[in-house]
Amino acid sequence: MLTRFVCLANSYKEGGRCVAGILLDKNNRPIMGNGRPKWIRPVSTQDHGEVPTHLVSHINTLAILEMDILNYVPQGHQSENALFDEDSIREVGRFPISGLTGLIETTRPQVFGNNGKAVAEKHIERLDHSLILVRTTDFKVFEKPNEYKPGTTQVRLAFSYKNIPYEFTVTDPIFSQNFRNNHRYVDSIDEMFLTLSIAVKWQDWYHKLVAGVIHSS
């Protein structure tokens, strides 16, 4: 089935990429359900569903993509997963950043069910989603040593949602590289739209990630 969506994340994932976005109709209007936008995460048949990097590394956020969806394959909280024809990807336009305001999460009281940086394995089944979009004007970006990979660093982003502070690793490759190259890169940014996601299980925890960073400057 030919499916159209706006790309809101093209992030690192287990040796490949995690691409995700919000479904659009043929007129590029977001498709809604129960008052929220409908998300999609195209996945492959690889162990973690990662998309081969060479297929999507050239795709930027806000690109409008079309691809043939073979089957929806939800896995627990990852209700957005869809197997796709890897030869069918094509870019057909660009979504305006102004259109994101109507797609942000405003009603859920917490990010993925709690106030922490991860969800415990015993609680993951409570979630029925693994992707949301939030807007922030109060944020801090910094680089720190990666506790899981000695000798490397990770870019992290702190922000608030419903007056609750959060701090997650950034897996958006373009934003991360821009910040590593120049920490002053974010000084002129007043507003960010963050695509938040949940990583695969690591030591009985599912860590929350900033999978996509979109800003106007």
N, C-alpha and C. Protein backbone atom coordinates (compact mmCIF):
# COMPACT_ATOMS: atom_id res chain seq x y z
N MET A 1 0.83 -1.19 0.00
CA MET A 1 0.00 0.00 0.00
C MET A 1 0.88 1.25 0.00
N LEU A 2 0.68 2.13 -0.97
CA LEU A 2 1.46 3.35 -1.06
C LEU A 2 1.10 4.26 0.11
N THR A 3 2.12 4.67 0.87
CA THR A 3 1.91 5.43 2.10
C THR A 3 2.79 6.67 2.09
N ARG A 4 2.23 7.78 2.56
CA ARG A 4 2.96 9.05 2.59
C ARG A 4 3.08 9.53 4.04
N PHE A 5 4.25 10.06 4.38
CA PHE A 5 4.44 10.62 5.72
C PHE A 5 5.53 11.67 5.71
N VAL A 6 5.52 12.53 6.73
CA VAL A 6 6.58 13.51 6.90
C VAL A 6 7.63 12.91 7.82
N CYS A 7 8.88 12.94 7.39
CA CYS A 7 9.98 12.39 8.18
C CYS A 7 10.31 13.32 9.34
N LEU A 8 10.19 12.84 10.55
CA LEU A 8 10.50 13.62 11.74
C LEU A 8 11.68 13.06 12.52
N ALA A 9 12.22 11.94 12.06
CA ALA A 9 13.42 11.35 12.67
C ALA A 9 14.12 10.47 11.67
N ASN A 10 15.44 10.58 11.62
CA ASN A 10 16.28 9.70 10.82
C ASN A 10 17.54 9.50 11.65
N SER A 11 17.44 8.66 12.65
CA SER A 11 18.45 8.60 13.70
C SER A 11 19.27 7.32 13.65
N TYR A 12 20.38 7.33 14.39
CA TYR A 12 21.20 6.13 14.51
C TYR A 12 20.42 5.03 15.23
N LYS A 13 20.60 3.78 14.76
CA LYS A 13 19.96 2.64 15.41
C LYS A 13 20.68 1.35 15.07
N GLU A 14 21.40 0.78 16.03
CA GLU A 14 21.95 -0.57 15.92
C GLU A 14 22.56 -0.89 14.55
N GLY A 15 23.48 -0.03 14.10
CA GLY A 15 24.15 -0.29 12.84
C GLY A 15 23.39 0.17 11.61
N GLY A 16 22.26 0.81 11.80
CA GLY A 16 21.49 1.34 10.68
C GLY A 16 20.81 2.62 11.09
N ARG A 17 19.60 2.82 10.59
CA ARG A 17 18.85 4.03 10.92
C ARG A 17 17.44 3.67 11.40
N CYS A 18 16.88 4.56 12.20
CA CYS A 18 15.48 4.51 12.59
C CYS A 18 14.81 5.71 11.95
N VAL A 19 13.94 5.46 11.01
CA VAL A 19 13.19 6.51 10.33
C VAL A 19 11.76 6.49 10.87
N ALA A 20 11.22 7.67 11.17
CA ALA A 20 9.86 7.72 11.70
C ALA A 20 9.22 9.05 11.34
N GLY A 21 7.91 9.06 11.32
CA GLY A 21 7.21 10.29 11.01
C GLY A 21 5.71 10.15 11.18
N ILE A 22 4.99 11.18 10.76
CA ILE A 22 3.54 11.25 10.90
C ILE A 22 2.90 11.08 9.53
N LEU A 23 1.88 10.24 9.49
CA LEU A 23 1.21 9.93 8.24
C LEU A 23 0.50 11.16 7.66
N LEU A 24 0.53 11.26 6.32
CA LEU A 24 -0.12 12.35 5.61
C LEU A 24 -1.09 11.79 4.58
N ASP A 25 -2.12 12.58 4.26
CA ASP A 25 -3.00 12.18 3.17
C ASP A 25 -2.42 12.67 1.84
N LYS A 26 -3.13 12.47 0.75
CA LYS A 26 -2.60 12.82 -0.57
C LYS A 26 -2.44 14.31 -0.76
N ASN A 27 -3.06 15.11 0.12
CA ASN A 27 -2.91 16.57 0.08
C ASN A 27 -1.91 17.07 1.11
N ASN A 28 -1.15 16.14 1.68
CA ASN A 28 -0.10 16.43 2.68
C ASN A 28 -0.66 16.99 3.99
N ARG A 29 -1.89 16.60 4.30
CA ARG A 29 -2.46 16.97 5.58
C ARG A 29 -2.26 15.81 6.56
N PRO A 30 -1.84 16.10 7.78
CA PRO A 30 -1.62 15.03 8.76
C PRO A 30 -2.88 14.22 9.01
N ILE A 31 -2.71 12.92 9.13
CA ILE A 31 -3.81 12.02 9.44
C ILE A 31 -3.89 11.86 10.96
N MET A 32 -5.07 12.10 11.49
CA MET A 32 -5.27 12.07 12.94
C MET A 32 -6.12 10.88 13.35
N GLY A 33 -5.99 10.50 14.60
CA GLY A 33 -6.80 9.44 15.18
C GLY A 33 -6.90 9.64 16.68
N ASN A 34 -8.10 9.68 17.21
CA ASN A 34 -8.32 9.91 18.65
C ASN A 34 -7.65 11.20 19.12
N GLY A 35 -7.68 12.21 18.25
CA GLY A 35 -7.15 13.51 18.65
C GLY A 35 -5.64 13.65 18.55
N ARG A 36 -4.95 12.61 18.09
CA ARG A 36 -3.50 12.65 17.97
C ARG A 36 -3.07 12.28 16.56
N PRO A 37 -1.91 12.77 16.11
CA PRO A 37 -1.42 12.36 14.79
C PRO A 37 -1.02 10.89 14.78
N LYS A 38 -1.18 10.25 13.64
CA LYS A 38 -0.80 8.85 13.50
C LYS A 38 0.65 8.73 13.04
N TRP A 39 1.43 8.01 13.80
CA TRP A 39 2.85 7.84 13.53
C TRP A 39 3.10 6.55 12.74
N ILE A 40 4.26 6.55 12.06
CA ILE A 40 4.72 5.34 11.39
C ILE A 40 6.23 5.22 11.55
N ARG A 41 6.69 3.99 11.74
CA ARG A 41 8.13 3.70 11.79
C ARG A 41 8.41 2.58 10.79
N PRO A 42 8.90 2.90 9.60
CA PRO A 42 9.25 1.83 8.64
C PRO A 42 10.38 0.97 9.21
N VAL A 43 10.22 -0.33 9.14
CA VAL A 43 11.24 -1.25 9.67
C VAL A 43 11.60 -2.28 8.61
N SER A 44 12.78 -2.85 8.80
CA SER A 44 13.28 -3.89 7.90
C SER A 44 13.17 -5.25 8.58
N THR A 45 13.68 -6.27 7.94
CA THR A 45 13.68 -7.62 8.52
C THR A 45 14.95 -7.89 9.32
N GLN A 46 15.80 -6.88 9.52
CA GLN A 46 17.00 -7.04 10.35
C GLN A 46 16.59 -7.30 11.80
N ASP A 47 17.56 -7.72 12.62
CA ASP A 47 17.29 -8.12 14.00
C ASP A 47 16.53 -7.08 14.80
N HIS A 48 16.91 -5.80 14.64
CA HIS A 48 16.28 -4.73 15.40
C HIS A 48 15.38 -3.86 14.53
N GLY A 49 15.12 -4.31 13.31
CA GLY A 49 14.25 -3.55 12.42
C GLY A 49 14.90 -2.33 11.81
N GLU A 50 16.21 -2.19 12.01
CA GLU A 50 16.90 -1.00 11.50
C GLU A 50 16.85 -0.93 9.98
N VAL A 51 16.76 0.29 9.47
CA VAL A 51 16.75 0.52 8.02
C VAL A 51 18.20 0.68 7.57
N PRO A 52 18.63 0.01 6.49
CA PRO A 52 20.00 0.16 6.01
C PRO A 52 20.35 1.63 5.76
N THR A 53 21.50 2.04 6.28
CA THR A 53 21.88 3.45 6.21
C THR A 53 21.92 3.97 4.79
N HIS A 54 22.40 3.18 3.84
CA HIS A 54 22.57 3.68 2.48
C HIS A 54 21.23 4.02 1.81
N LEU A 55 20.15 3.47 2.34
CA LEU A 55 18.84 3.75 1.75
C LEU A 55 18.30 5.12 2.15
N VAL A 56 18.69 5.62 3.33
CA VAL A 56 18.01 6.81 3.87
C VAL A 56 18.94 7.90 4.39
N SER A 57 20.25 7.71 4.32
CA SER A 57 21.16 8.70 4.91
C SER A 57 21.03 10.08 4.27
N HIS A 58 20.54 10.15 3.05
CA HIS A 58 20.39 11.42 2.35
C HIS A 58 19.09 12.14 2.69
N ILE A 59 18.22 11.51 3.44
CA ILE A 59 16.90 12.07 3.73
C ILE A 59 16.95 12.96 4.97
N ASN A 60 16.45 14.17 4.85
CA ASN A 60 16.43 15.11 5.96
C ASN A 60 15.05 15.13 6.63
N THR A 61 15.02 15.60 7.86
CA THR A 61 13.73 15.78 8.52
C THR A 61 12.93 16.83 7.77
N LEU A 62 11.62 16.68 7.84
CA LEU A 62 10.61 17.48 7.14
C LEU A 62 10.44 17.08 5.67
N ALA A 63 11.25 16.13 5.20
CA ALA A 63 11.02 15.59 3.86
C ALA A 63 9.70 14.80 3.87
N ILE A 64 8.93 14.96 2.80
CA ILE A 64 7.72 14.16 2.64
C ILE A 64 8.10 12.94 1.81
N LEU A 65 7.87 11.76 2.38
CA LEU A 65 8.29 10.51 1.75
C LEU A 65 7.08 9.67 1.36
N GLU A 66 7.27 8.90 0.31
CA GLU A 66 6.31 7.87 -0.07
C GLU A 66 7.03 6.55 -0.14
N MET A 67 6.34 5.49 0.28
CA MET A 67 6.90 4.15 0.16
C MET A 67 5.76 3.14 0.20
N ASP A 68 6.03 1.95 -0.30
CA ASP A 68 5.04 0.88 -0.27
C ASP A 68 5.14 0.13 1.05
N ILE A 69 4.08 0.16 1.83
CA ILE A 69 4.02 -0.58 3.09
C ILE A 69 3.49 -1.98 2.80
N LEU A 70 4.25 -2.98 3.18
CA LEU A 70 3.87 -4.37 2.93
C LEU A 70 2.94 -4.90 4.02
N ASN A 71 3.22 -4.46 5.26
CA ASN A 71 2.42 -4.99 6.36
C ASN A 71 2.73 -4.20 7.62
N TYR A 72 1.74 -3.92 8.42
CA TYR A 72 1.99 -3.31 9.72
C TYR A 72 2.35 -4.41 10.71
N VAL A 73 3.44 -4.19 11.44
CA VAL A 73 3.98 -5.22 12.33
C VAL A 73 4.23 -4.66 13.74
N PRO A 74 3.19 -4.22 14.42
CA PRO A 74 3.37 -3.66 15.77
C PRO A 74 3.99 -4.68 16.71
N GLN A 75 4.88 -4.19 17.58
CA GLN A 75 5.53 -5.04 18.57
C GLN A 75 5.40 -4.36 19.93
N GLY A 76 4.38 -4.73 20.68
CA GLY A 76 4.17 -4.13 21.99
C GLY A 76 4.02 -2.63 21.91
N HIS A 77 4.86 -1.92 22.67
CA HIS A 77 4.78 -0.45 22.69
C HIS A 77 5.14 0.16 21.34
N GLN A 78 5.90 -0.56 20.52
CA GLN A 78 6.24 -0.05 19.19
C GLN A 78 5.08 -0.36 18.23
N SER A 79 3.98 0.29 18.50
CA SER A 79 2.76 0.08 17.72
C SER A 79 2.84 0.70 16.33
N GLU A 80 3.87 1.51 16.09
CA GLU A 80 3.98 2.26 14.84
C GLU A 80 4.74 1.51 13.74
N ASN A 81 5.28 0.34 14.02
CA ASN A 81 6.17 -0.36 13.09
C ASN A 81 5.44 -0.86 11.84
N ALA A 82 6.11 -0.69 10.69
CA ALA A 82 5.53 -1.14 9.42
C ALA A 82 6.64 -1.63 8.50
N LEU A 83 6.49 -2.85 8.01
CA LEU A 83 7.46 -3.42 7.06
C LEU A 83 7.23 -2.80 5.68
N PHE A 84 8.32 -2.42 5.00
CA PHE A 84 8.17 -1.70 3.74
C PHE A 84 9.05 -2.30 2.64
N ASP A 85 8.70 -1.97 1.41
CA ASP A 85 9.49 -2.36 0.25
C ASP A 85 10.69 -1.42 0.14
N GLU A 86 11.89 -1.96 0.32
CA GLU A 86 13.08 -1.12 0.38
C GLU A 86 13.42 -0.45 -0.96
N ASP A 87 12.81 -0.90 -2.04
CA ASP A 87 13.06 -0.28 -3.35
C ASP A 87 12.05 0.81 -3.68
N SER A 88 11.14 1.10 -2.75
CA SER A 88 10.03 2.00 -3.07
C SER A 88 10.16 3.41 -2.51
N ILE A 89 11.21 3.69 -1.74
CA ILE A 89 11.33 4.99 -1.09
C ILE A 89 11.54 6.11 -2.11
N ARG A 90 10.72 7.17 -1.99
CA ARG A 90 10.98 8.35 -2.81
C ARG A 90 10.51 9.59 -2.07
N GLU A 91 11.23 10.70 -2.29
CA GLU A 91 10.90 11.98 -1.67
C GLU A 91 10.02 12.77 -2.62
N VAL A 92 8.88 13.27 -2.11
CA VAL A 92 7.91 13.92 -2.98
C VAL A 92 7.62 15.37 -2.59
N GLY A 93 8.27 15.88 -1.56
CA GLY A 93 8.02 17.26 -1.17
C GLY A 93 8.63 17.58 0.17
N ARG A 94 8.23 18.72 0.72
CA ARG A 94 8.76 19.15 2.01
C ARG A 94 7.62 19.74 2.84
N PHE A 95 7.59 19.34 4.09
CA PHE A 95 6.55 19.77 5.02
C PHE A 95 6.98 21.06 5.71
N PRO A 96 6.09 22.05 5.85
CA PRO A 96 6.48 23.31 6.49
C PRO A 96 6.67 23.15 7.99
N ILE A 97 7.69 23.77 8.52
CA ILE A 97 7.94 23.67 9.96
C ILE A 97 6.78 24.28 10.74
N SER A 98 6.09 25.24 10.14
CA SER A 98 4.94 25.86 10.80
C SER A 98 3.82 24.86 11.04
N GLY A 99 3.79 23.79 10.27
CA GLY A 99 2.75 22.78 10.42
C GLY A 99 2.96 21.85 11.60
N LEU A 100 4.12 21.93 12.25
CA LEU A 100 4.41 21.02 13.36
C LEU A 100 3.67 21.40 14.64
N THR A 101 3.32 22.67 14.77
CA THR A 101 2.70 23.14 16.02
C THR A 101 1.43 22.36 16.34
N GLY A 102 0.67 22.01 15.33
CA GLY A 102 -0.56 21.27 15.56
C GLY A 102 -0.37 19.78 15.79
N LEU A 103 0.88 19.31 15.77
CA LEU A 103 1.17 17.88 15.89
C LEU A 103 1.87 17.51 17.19
N ILE A 104 2.16 18.50 18.03
CA ILE A 104 2.91 18.22 19.25
C ILE A 104 2.03 17.56 20.31
N GLU A 105 2.66 16.80 21.17
CA GLU A 105 1.98 16.15 22.28
C GLU A 105 1.68 17.18 23.37
N THR A 106 0.44 17.24 23.82
CA THR A 106 0.06 18.20 24.86
C THR A 106 -0.78 17.57 25.96
N THR A 107 -1.27 16.37 25.76
CA THR A 107 -2.23 15.82 26.72
C THR A 107 -1.66 14.75 27.65
N ARG A 108 -0.69 13.98 27.21
CA ARG A 108 -0.13 12.95 28.09
C ARG A 108 0.63 13.62 29.23
N PRO A 109 0.46 13.15 30.46
CA PRO A 109 1.06 13.84 31.61
C PRO A 109 2.56 13.68 31.72
N GLN A 110 3.13 12.62 31.12
CA GLN A 110 4.56 12.35 31.21
C GLN A 110 5.08 11.87 29.86
N VAL A 111 6.39 11.86 29.71
CA VAL A 111 7.01 11.32 28.50
C VAL A 111 7.19 9.82 28.66
N PHE A 112 6.42 9.06 27.93
CA PHE A 112 6.48 7.60 27.96
C PHE A 112 6.27 7.03 29.37
N GLY A 113 5.30 7.60 30.05
CA GLY A 113 4.78 6.97 31.26
C GLY A 113 5.47 7.23 32.57
N ASN A 114 6.64 7.90 32.56
CA ASN A 114 7.27 8.23 33.83
C ASN A 114 8.16 9.47 33.67
N ASN A 115 8.77 9.90 34.76
CA ASN A 115 9.58 11.12 34.75
C ASN A 115 11.06 10.86 34.51
N GLY A 116 11.44 9.60 34.30
CA GLY A 116 12.84 9.25 34.20
C GLY A 116 13.37 9.22 32.79
N LYS A 117 14.59 8.72 32.66
CA LYS A 117 15.26 8.65 31.36
C LYS A 117 15.05 7.31 30.66
N ALA A 118 14.34 6.39 31.33
CA ALA A 118 14.14 5.06 30.76
C ALA A 118 12.88 4.44 31.36
N VAL A 119 12.41 3.37 30.70
CA VAL A 119 11.26 2.62 31.18
C VAL A 119 11.73 1.21 31.52
N ALA A 120 11.41 0.74 32.70
CA ALA A 120 11.81 -0.60 33.13
C ALA A 120 11.09 -1.66 32.29
N GLU A 121 11.77 -2.78 32.09
CA GLU A 121 11.18 -3.86 31.29
C GLU A 121 9.82 -4.30 31.84
N LYS A 122 9.69 -4.32 33.15
CA LYS A 122 8.44 -4.79 33.75
C LYS A 122 7.29 -3.82 33.56
N HIS A 123 7.61 -2.59 33.13
CA HIS A 123 6.57 -1.59 32.94
C HIS A 123 6.32 -1.25 31.47
N ILE A 124 7.15 -1.75 30.57
CA ILE A 124 7.07 -1.34 29.17
C ILE A 124 5.73 -1.73 28.55
N GLU A 125 5.13 -2.80 29.03
CA GLU A 125 3.88 -3.26 28.45
C GLU A 125 2.72 -2.29 28.71
N ARG A 126 2.92 -1.36 29.61
CA ARG A 126 1.88 -0.37 29.89
C ARG A 126 1.76 0.66 28.75
N LEU A 127 2.81 0.78 27.95
CA LEU A 127 2.81 1.77 26.88
C LEU A 127 2.21 1.20 25.60
N ASP A 128 1.49 2.04 24.87
CA ASP A 128 0.95 1.65 23.58
C ASP A 128 1.51 2.50 22.44
N HIS A 129 2.62 3.22 22.73
CA HIS A 129 3.25 4.09 21.73
C HIS A 129 4.73 4.24 22.07
N SER A 130 5.51 4.60 21.06
CA SER A 130 6.95 4.79 21.29
C SER A 130 7.49 6.02 20.57
N LEU A 131 6.60 6.89 20.10
CA LEU A 131 7.00 8.11 19.39
C LEU A 131 6.07 9.25 19.77
N ILE A 132 6.65 10.41 20.08
CA ILE A 132 5.87 11.63 20.26
C ILE A 132 6.71 12.81 19.79
N LEU A 133 6.03 13.91 19.52
CA LEU A 133 6.68 15.17 19.14
C LEU A 133 6.36 16.20 20.22
N VAL A 134 7.40 16.86 20.73
CA VAL A 134 7.19 17.92 21.71
C VAL A 134 7.89 19.19 21.24
N ARG A 135 7.43 20.30 21.74
CA ARG A 135 8.03 21.61 21.43
C ARG A 135 8.65 22.15 22.70
N THR A 136 9.84 22.76 22.57
CA THR A 136 10.49 23.36 23.72
C THR A 136 11.18 24.66 23.34
N THR A 137 11.11 25.62 24.23
CA THR A 137 11.87 26.87 24.09
C THR A 137 12.88 27.01 25.23
N ASP A 138 12.87 26.05 26.13
CA ASP A 138 13.76 26.05 27.29
C ASP A 138 14.55 24.75 27.25
N PHE A 139 15.78 24.82 26.79
CA PHE A 139 16.57 23.60 26.61
C PHE A 139 18.04 23.88 26.85
N LYS A 140 18.78 22.79 27.05
CA LYS A 140 20.23 22.86 27.19
C LYS A 140 20.82 21.66 26.49
N VAL A 141 21.82 21.90 25.65
CA VAL A 141 22.49 20.82 24.92
C VAL A 141 23.94 20.75 25.42
N PHE A 142 24.43 19.56 25.65
CA PHE A 142 25.80 19.42 26.15
C PHE A 142 26.36 18.07 25.72
N GLU A 143 27.68 17.94 25.86
CA GLU A 143 28.39 16.71 25.50
C GLU A 143 29.02 16.14 26.75
N LYS A 144 28.90 14.82 26.94
CA LYS A 144 29.47 14.20 28.13
C LYS A 144 30.01 12.82 27.77
N PRO A 145 30.89 12.25 28.59
CA PRO A 145 31.42 10.92 28.33
C PRO A 145 30.31 9.88 28.27
N ASN A 146 30.45 8.94 27.37
CA ASN A 146 29.47 7.87 27.21
C ASN A 146 29.83 6.74 28.18
N GLU A 147 28.97 6.54 29.17
CA GLU A 147 29.27 5.54 30.20
C GLU A 147 29.26 4.12 29.67
N TYR A 148 28.60 3.90 28.53
CA TYR A 148 28.52 2.56 27.96
C TYR A 148 29.62 2.27 26.94
N LYS A 149 30.26 3.34 26.44
CA LYS A 149 31.32 3.18 25.45
C LYS A 149 32.50 4.06 25.86
N PRO A 150 33.37 3.54 26.72
CA PRO A 150 34.51 4.33 27.22
C PRO A 150 35.34 4.91 26.08
N GLY A 151 35.76 6.14 26.25
CA GLY A 151 36.57 6.80 25.23
C GLY A 151 35.75 7.57 24.21
N THR A 152 34.43 7.50 24.32
CA THR A 152 33.55 8.24 23.41
C THR A 152 32.66 9.18 24.22
N THR A 153 32.01 10.08 23.52
CA THR A 153 31.08 11.01 24.17
C THR A 153 29.70 10.88 23.53
N GLN A 154 28.73 11.43 24.20
CA GLN A 154 27.38 11.49 23.64
C GLN A 154 26.83 12.89 23.82
N VAL A 155 26.03 13.32 22.86
CA VAL A 155 25.34 14.60 22.96
C VAL A 155 24.02 14.36 23.68
N ARG A 156 23.72 15.19 24.66
CA ARG A 156 22.50 15.06 25.43
C ARG A 156 21.72 16.37 25.42
N LEU A 157 20.42 16.27 25.60
CA LEU A 157 19.57 17.45 25.54
C LEU A 157 18.63 17.43 26.74
N ALA A 158 18.62 18.53 27.48
CA ALA A 158 17.73 18.69 28.63
C ALA A 158 16.61 19.65 28.25
N PHE A 159 15.39 19.33 28.66
CA PHE A 159 14.23 20.16 28.35
C PHE A 159 13.15 19.85 29.38
N SER A 160 12.06 20.59 29.30
CA SER A 160 10.93 20.34 30.20
C SER A 160 9.68 20.04 29.39
N TYR A 161 8.85 19.15 29.92
CA TYR A 161 7.53 18.86 29.36
C TYR A 161 6.55 18.85 30.51
N LYS A 162 5.55 19.71 30.45
CA LYS A 162 4.58 19.88 31.53
C LYS A 162 5.27 20.13 32.86
N ASN A 163 6.28 20.99 32.80
CA ASN A 163 7.05 21.42 33.98
C ASN A 163 7.85 20.30 34.63
N ILE A 164 8.02 19.19 33.93
CA ILE A 164 8.87 18.10 34.42
C ILE A 164 10.16 18.11 33.63
N PRO A 165 11.33 18.14 34.29
CA PRO A 165 12.60 18.15 33.56
C PRO A 165 12.98 16.76 33.06
N TYR A 166 13.50 16.71 31.84
CA TYR A 166 13.99 15.47 31.24
C TYR A 166 15.37 15.72 30.63
N GLU A 167 16.12 14.63 30.47
CA GLU A 167 17.44 14.72 29.83
C GLU A 167 17.71 13.41 29.11
N PHE A 168 17.79 13.47 27.76
CA PHE A 168 17.96 12.26 26.96
C PHE A 168 19.15 12.39 26.02
N THR A 169 19.66 11.24 25.59
CA THR A 169 20.69 11.21 24.56
C THR A 169 20.08 11.59 23.21
N VAL A 170 20.85 12.36 22.42
CA VAL A 170 20.43 12.74 21.08
C VAL A 170 21.01 11.74 20.08
N THR A 171 20.14 11.14 19.26
CA THR A 171 20.61 10.20 18.23
C THR A 171 20.36 10.73 16.82
N ASP A 172 20.00 12.00 16.72
CA ASP A 172 19.88 12.67 15.42
C ASP A 172 21.29 12.94 14.91
N PRO A 173 21.73 12.28 13.82
CA PRO A 173 23.13 12.39 13.41
C PRO A 173 23.54 13.78 12.94
N ILE A 174 22.66 14.49 12.26
CA ILE A 174 23.01 15.82 11.75
C ILE A 174 23.11 16.82 12.89
N PHE A 175 22.12 16.84 13.77
CA PHE A 175 22.17 17.76 14.90
C PHE A 175 23.37 17.47 15.79
N SER A 176 23.60 16.18 16.07
CA SER A 176 24.73 15.81 16.94
C SER A 176 26.06 16.27 16.36
N GLN A 177 26.25 16.06 15.04
CA GLN A 177 27.51 16.44 14.42
C GLN A 177 27.68 17.95 14.40
N ASN A 178 26.60 18.67 14.12
CA ASN A 178 26.68 20.13 14.13
C ASN A 178 27.09 20.65 15.51
N PHE A 179 26.54 20.04 16.55
CA PHE A 179 26.88 20.48 17.90
C PHE A 179 28.30 20.09 18.28
N ARG A 180 28.73 18.90 17.89
CA ARG A 180 30.11 18.49 18.17
C ARG A 180 31.11 19.43 17.49
N ASN A 181 30.77 19.85 16.28
CA ASN A 181 31.67 20.73 15.53
C ASN A 181 31.75 22.12 16.15
N ASN A 182 30.64 22.56 16.76
CA ASN A 182 30.58 23.92 17.29
C ASN A 182 29.50 23.98 18.36
N HIS A 183 29.91 24.04 19.62
CA HIS A 183 28.94 24.07 20.71
C HIS A 183 28.11 25.35 20.72
N ARG A 184 28.57 26.37 20.02
CA ARG A 184 27.79 27.61 19.93
C ARG A 184 26.68 27.50 18.89
N TYR A 185 26.62 26.37 18.23
CA TYR A 185 25.64 26.14 17.17
C TYR A 185 24.21 26.39 17.64
N VAL A 186 23.93 26.10 18.90
CA VAL A 186 22.56 26.21 19.40
C VAL A 186 22.23 27.58 19.98
N ASP A 187 23.21 28.48 20.02
CA ASP A 187 23.00 29.77 20.68
C ASP A 187 21.89 30.59 20.04
N SER A 188 21.72 30.47 18.74
CA SER A 188 20.73 31.29 18.04
C SER A 188 19.37 30.60 17.88
N ILE A 189 19.23 29.41 18.46
CA ILE A 189 17.98 28.66 18.33
C ILE A 189 17.04 29.02 19.48
N ASP A 190 15.85 29.47 19.14
CA ASP A 190 14.87 29.86 20.15
C ASP A 190 13.83 28.77 20.41
N GLU A 191 13.62 27.90 19.44
CA GLU A 191 12.55 26.92 19.53
C GLU A 191 12.99 25.62 18.87
N MET A 192 12.68 24.51 19.51
CA MET A 192 12.97 23.19 18.96
C MET A 192 11.73 22.32 18.98
N PHE A 193 11.59 21.50 17.95
CA PHE A 193 10.61 20.42 17.95
C PHE A 193 11.41 19.12 18.07
N LEU A 194 11.10 18.34 19.08
CA LEU A 194 11.86 17.13 19.39
C LEU A 194 11.01 15.89 19.15
N THR A 195 11.50 15.00 18.31
CA THR A 195 10.88 13.69 18.17
C THR A 195 11.51 12.78 19.20
N LEU A 196 10.69 12.31 20.13
CA LEU A 196 11.16 11.45 21.21
C LEU A 196 10.78 10.01 20.93
N SER A 197 11.71 9.11 21.23
CA SER A 197 11.51 7.70 20.92
C SER A 197 12.05 6.85 22.07
N ILE A 198 11.84 5.54 21.96
CA ILE A 198 12.35 4.61 22.97
C ILE A 198 13.28 3.62 22.27
N ALA A 199 14.46 3.44 22.84
CA ALA A 199 15.45 2.54 22.26
C ALA A 199 15.10 1.08 22.53
N VAL A 200 15.84 0.18 21.88
CA VAL A 200 15.69 -1.24 22.18
C VAL A 200 16.19 -1.51 23.60
N LYS A 201 15.82 -2.63 24.15
CA LYS A 201 16.15 -2.94 25.55
C LYS A 201 17.65 -3.02 25.78
N TRP A 202 18.09 -2.44 26.88
CA TRP A 202 19.49 -2.50 27.30
C TRP A 202 19.51 -2.74 28.80
N GLN A 203 19.97 -3.91 29.21
CA GLN A 203 20.08 -4.28 30.61
C GLN A 203 18.76 -4.05 31.35
N ASP A 204 17.69 -4.58 30.81
CA ASP A 204 16.35 -4.55 31.42
C ASP A 204 15.70 -3.17 31.41
N TRP A 205 16.28 -2.24 30.64
CA TRP A 205 15.70 -0.90 30.54
C TRP A 205 15.53 -0.50 29.08
N TYR A 206 14.50 0.29 28.83
CA TYR A 206 14.28 0.88 27.51
C TYR A 206 14.51 2.38 27.64
N HIS A 207 15.63 2.85 27.12
CA HIS A 207 16.00 4.25 27.30
C HIS A 207 15.27 5.16 26.32
N LYS A 208 14.93 6.36 26.80
CA LYS A 208 14.27 7.36 25.99
C LYS A 208 15.33 8.17 25.23
N LEU A 209 15.01 8.54 24.00
CA LEU A 209 15.97 9.21 23.13
C LEU A 209 15.34 10.43 22.46
N VAL A 210 16.20 11.39 22.12
CA VAL A 210 15.80 12.46 21.21
C VAL A 210 16.23 12.00 19.82
N ALA A 211 15.29 11.47 19.06
CA ALA A 211 15.61 10.87 17.77
C ALA A 211 15.63 11.88 16.63
N GLY A 212 15.01 13.03 16.84
CA GLY A 212 15.01 14.05 15.80
C GLY A 212 14.92 15.43 16.42
N VAL A 213 15.72 16.37 15.90
CA VAL A 213 15.69 17.76 16.37
C VAL A 213 15.42 18.65 15.16
N ILE A 214 14.34 19.41 15.23
CA ILE A 214 13.96 20.30 14.13
C ILE A 214 13.90 21.72 14.67
N HIS A 215 14.55 22.63 13.99
CA HIS A 215 14.51 24.04 14.40
C HIS A 215 14.62 24.90 13.16
N SER A 216 14.25 26.17 13.29
CA SER A 216 14.15 27.04 12.12
C SER A 216 15.41 27.80 11.79
N SER A 217 16.30 27.98 12.75
CA SER A 217 17.49 28.80 12.46
C SER A 217 18.63 27.97 11.92
